[in-house]
Amino acid sequence: MKKGESKMESNLIHSKLRMKGKNVEWLANEMTAYGQPISASTIYKKLKGEVVFKAADIKLISQLLDLKNEEIMTIFFSELVSKKTHVDIERIVMNEKNY
């Protein structure tokens, strides 16, 4: 993997889009409508790991696709987070008001 590339489970994004009857072009249009201008081409590059998703991208995609915390971790951070850390992060996210 080259510098700047990241490993993610892009097939799960495609699956979520298909389940909603949507596609990457729809996602690009929605993200742009919500104030995060992006082209479908750029999303494809990010899904292939050629370009890294920004935190704001992940947050908006998660909202648009109704992703659960576990899905977010699996899709975007699969290679970076161990199972134990995944549980710790999920616990913190779920109880973030307490921190």
C-alpha atoms as a PDB file:
ATOM      1  CA  MET A   1       0.000   0.000   0.000  1.00  0.00           C
ATOM      2  CA  LYS A   2       1.391   3.407  -0.954  1.00  0.00           C
ATOM      3  CA  LYS A   3       1.643   6.400   1.348  1.00  0.00           C
ATOM      4  CA  GLY A   4      -1.746   8.098   1.608  1.00  0.00           C
ATOM      5  CA  GLU A   5      -3.640   4.940   0.740  1.00  0.00           C
ATOM      6  CA  SER A   6      -5.886   3.241   3.231  1.00  0.00           C
ATOM      7  CA  LYS A   7      -7.549  -0.140   3.492  1.00  0.00           C
ATOM      8  CA  MET A   8     -11.303  -0.030   3.916  1.00  0.00           C
ATOM      9  CA  GLU A   9     -14.290  -2.244   3.304  1.00  0.00           C
ATOM     10  CA  SER A  10     -15.672  -0.337   0.312  1.00  0.00           C
ATOM     11  CA  ASN A  11     -17.857  -3.270  -0.702  1.00  0.00           C
ATOM     12  CA  LEU A  12     -19.980  -2.534   2.375  1.00  0.00           C
ATOM     13  CA  ILE A  13     -20.573   1.051   1.193  1.00  0.00           C
ATOM     14  CA  HIS A  14     -21.675  -0.283  -2.189  1.00  0.00           C
ATOM     15  CA  SER A  15     -23.968  -2.788  -0.441  1.00  0.00           C
ATOM     16  CA  LYS A  16     -25.548  -0.064   1.697  1.00  0.00           C
ATOM     17  CA  LEU A  17     -26.101   2.091  -1.374  1.00  0.00           C
ATOM     18  CA  ARG A  18     -27.718  -0.802  -3.263  1.00  0.00           C
ATOM     19  CA  MET A  19     -29.972  -1.588  -0.293  1.00  0.00           C
ATOM     20  CA  LYS A  20     -31.259   1.989  -0.471  1.00  0.00           C
ATOM     21  CA  GLY A  21     -31.611   1.845  -4.260  1.00  0.00           C
ATOM     22  CA  LYS A  22     -28.874   4.475  -4.588  1.00  0.00           C
ATOM     23  CA  ASN A  23     -25.425   4.728  -6.178  1.00  0.00           C
ATOM     24  CA  VAL A  24     -22.174   6.666  -5.848  1.00  0.00           C
ATOM     25  CA  GLU A  25     -23.494   9.459  -8.069  1.00  0.00           C
ATOM     26  CA  TRP A  26     -26.416   9.915  -5.637  1.00  0.00           C
ATOM     27  CA  LEU A  27     -23.971   9.965  -2.721  1.00  0.00           C
ATOM     28  CA  ALA A  28     -21.855  12.649  -4.414  1.00  0.00           C
ATOM     29  CA  ASN A  29     -24.946  14.767  -5.118  1.00  0.00           C
ATOM     30  CA  GLU A  30     -26.199  14.420  -1.531  1.00  0.00           C
ATOM     31  CA  MET A  31     -22.811  15.257  -0.033  1.00  0.00           C
ATOM     32  CA  THR A  32     -22.598  18.322  -2.277  1.00  0.00           C
ATOM     33  CA  ALA A  33     -26.143  19.357  -1.292  1.00  0.00           C
ATOM     34  CA  TYR A  34     -25.114  19.128   2.381  1.00  0.00           C
ATOM     35  CA  GLY A  35     -22.207  21.508   1.800  1.00  0.00           C
ATOM     36  CA  GLN A  36     -19.407  19.020   1.145  1.00  0.00           C
ATOM     37  CA  PRO A  37     -18.800  19.331  -2.598  1.00  0.00           C
ATOM     38  CA  ILE A  38     -17.389  16.107  -4.019  1.00  0.00           C
ATOM     39  CA  SER A  39     -17.514  14.344  -7.365  1.00  0.00           C
ATOM     40  CA  ALA A  40     -18.466  10.725  -7.925  1.00  0.00           C
ATOM     41  CA  SER A  41     -14.958  10.242  -9.348  1.00  0.00           C
ATOM     42  CA  THR A  42     -13.390  11.385  -6.074  1.00  0.00           C
ATOM     43  CA  ILE A  43     -15.662   9.091  -4.062  1.00  0.00           C
ATOM     44  CA  TYR A  44     -14.614   6.159  -6.258  1.00  0.00           C
ATOM     45  CA  LYS A  45     -10.940   7.030  -5.618  1.00  0.00           C
ATOM     46  CA  LYS A  46     -11.621   7.141  -1.889  1.00  0.00           C
ATOM     47  CA  LEU A  47     -13.465   3.818  -2.026  1.00  0.00           C
ATOM     48  CA  LYS A  48     -10.468   2.265  -3.812  1.00  0.00           C
ATOM     49  CA  GLY A  49      -8.152   3.624  -1.118  1.00  0.00           C
ATOM     50  CA  GLU A  50      -6.290   5.949  -3.487  1.00  0.00           C
ATOM     51  CA  VAL A  51      -7.439   8.961  -1.468  1.00  0.00           C
ATOM     52  CA  VAL A  52      -8.234   8.967   2.255  1.00  0.00           C
ATOM     53  CA  PHE A  53     -11.707   9.847   3.520  1.00  0.00           C
ATOM     54  CA  LYS A  54     -11.740  12.923   5.768  1.00  0.00           C
ATOM     55  CA  ALA A  55     -13.530  12.787   9.115  1.00  0.00           C
ATOM     56  CA  ALA A  56     -16.253  15.090   7.750  1.00  0.00           C
ATOM     57  CA  ASP A  57     -16.783  12.688   4.810  1.00  0.00           C
ATOM     58  CA  ILE A  58     -17.148   9.726   7.142  1.00  0.00           C
ATOM     59  CA  LYS A  59     -19.593  11.578   9.371  1.00  0.00           C
ATOM     60  CA  LEU A  60     -21.824  12.691   6.487  1.00  0.00           C
ATOM     61  CA  ILE A  61     -21.731   9.325   4.694  1.00  0.00           C
ATOM     62  CA  SER A  62     -22.631   7.661   7.984  1.00  0.00           C
ATOM     63  CA  GLN A  63     -25.643   9.942   8.340  1.00  0.00           C
ATOM     64  CA  LEU A  64     -26.763   9.597   4.718  1.00  0.00           C
ATOM     65  CA  LEU A  65     -26.529   5.800   4.817  1.00  0.00           C
ATOM     66  CA  ASP A  66     -27.761   5.419   8.420  1.00  0.00           C
ATOM     67  CA  LEU A  67     -24.615   3.544   9.427  1.00  0.00           C
ATOM     68  CA  LYS A  68     -24.366   2.173  12.940  1.00  0.00           C
ATOM     69  CA  ASN A  69     -21.170   2.709  14.968  1.00  0.00           C
ATOM     70  CA  GLU A  70     -20.062  -0.880  14.356  1.00  0.00           C
ATOM     71  CA  GLU A  71     -20.572  -0.460  10.597  1.00  0.00           C
ATOM     72  CA  ILE A  72     -18.561   2.764  10.615  1.00  0.00           C
ATOM     73  CA  MET A  73     -15.688   1.014  12.364  1.00  0.00           C
ATOM     74  CA  THR A  74     -15.840  -2.005  10.045  1.00  0.00           C
ATOM     75  CA  ILE A  75     -16.055   0.032   6.847  1.00  0.00           C
ATOM     76  CA  PHE A  76     -13.618   2.856   7.491  1.00  0.00           C
ATOM     77  CA  PHE A  77     -11.234   1.567  10.163  1.00  0.00           C
ATOM     78  CA  SER A  78     -11.076  -2.198   9.626  1.00  0.00           C
ATOM     79  CA  GLU A  79      -7.301  -2.353   9.374  1.00  0.00           C
ATOM     80  CA  LEU A  80      -6.538   0.239  12.026  1.00  0.00           C
ATOM     81  CA  VAL A  81      -8.628  -0.994  14.914  1.00  0.00           C
ATOM     82  CA  SER A  82      -8.198  -4.253  16.798  1.00  0.00           C
ATOM     83  CA  LYS A  83     -11.233  -6.040  18.203  1.00  0.00           C
ATOM     84  CA  LYS A  84     -10.512  -4.857  21.758  1.00  0.00           C
ATOM     85  CA  THR A  85      -9.918  -1.276  20.670  1.00  0.00           C
ATOM     86  CA  HIS A  86     -13.072  -1.458  18.553  1.00  0.00           C
ATOM     87  CA  VAL A  87     -15.085  -2.339  21.661  1.00  0.00           C
ATOM     88  CA  ASP A  88     -13.422   0.447  23.674  1.00  0.00           C
ATOM     89  CA  ILE A  89     -14.057   3.041  20.964  1.00  0.00           C
ATOM     90  CA  GLU A  90     -17.664   1.928  20.543  1.00  0.00           C
ATOM     91  CA  ARG A  91     -18.172   2.183  24.319  1.00  0.00           C
ATOM     92  CA  ILE A  92     -16.764   5.714  24.311  1.00  0.00           C
ATOM     93  CA  VAL A  93     -18.854   6.755  21.296  1.00  0.00           C
ATOM     94  CA  MET A  94     -22.029   5.342  22.831  1.00  0.00           C
ATOM     95  CA  ASN A  95     -21.332   7.111  26.148  1.00  0.00           C
ATOM     96  CA  GLU A  96     -19.638  10.223  24.782  1.00  0.00           C
ATOM     97  CA  LYS A  97     -21.779  12.502  26.971  1.00  0.00           C
ATOM     98  CA  ASN A  98     -20.013  11.045  30.000  1.00  0.00           C
ATOM     99  CA  TYR A  99     -16.537  12.073  28.769  1.00  0.00           C
END
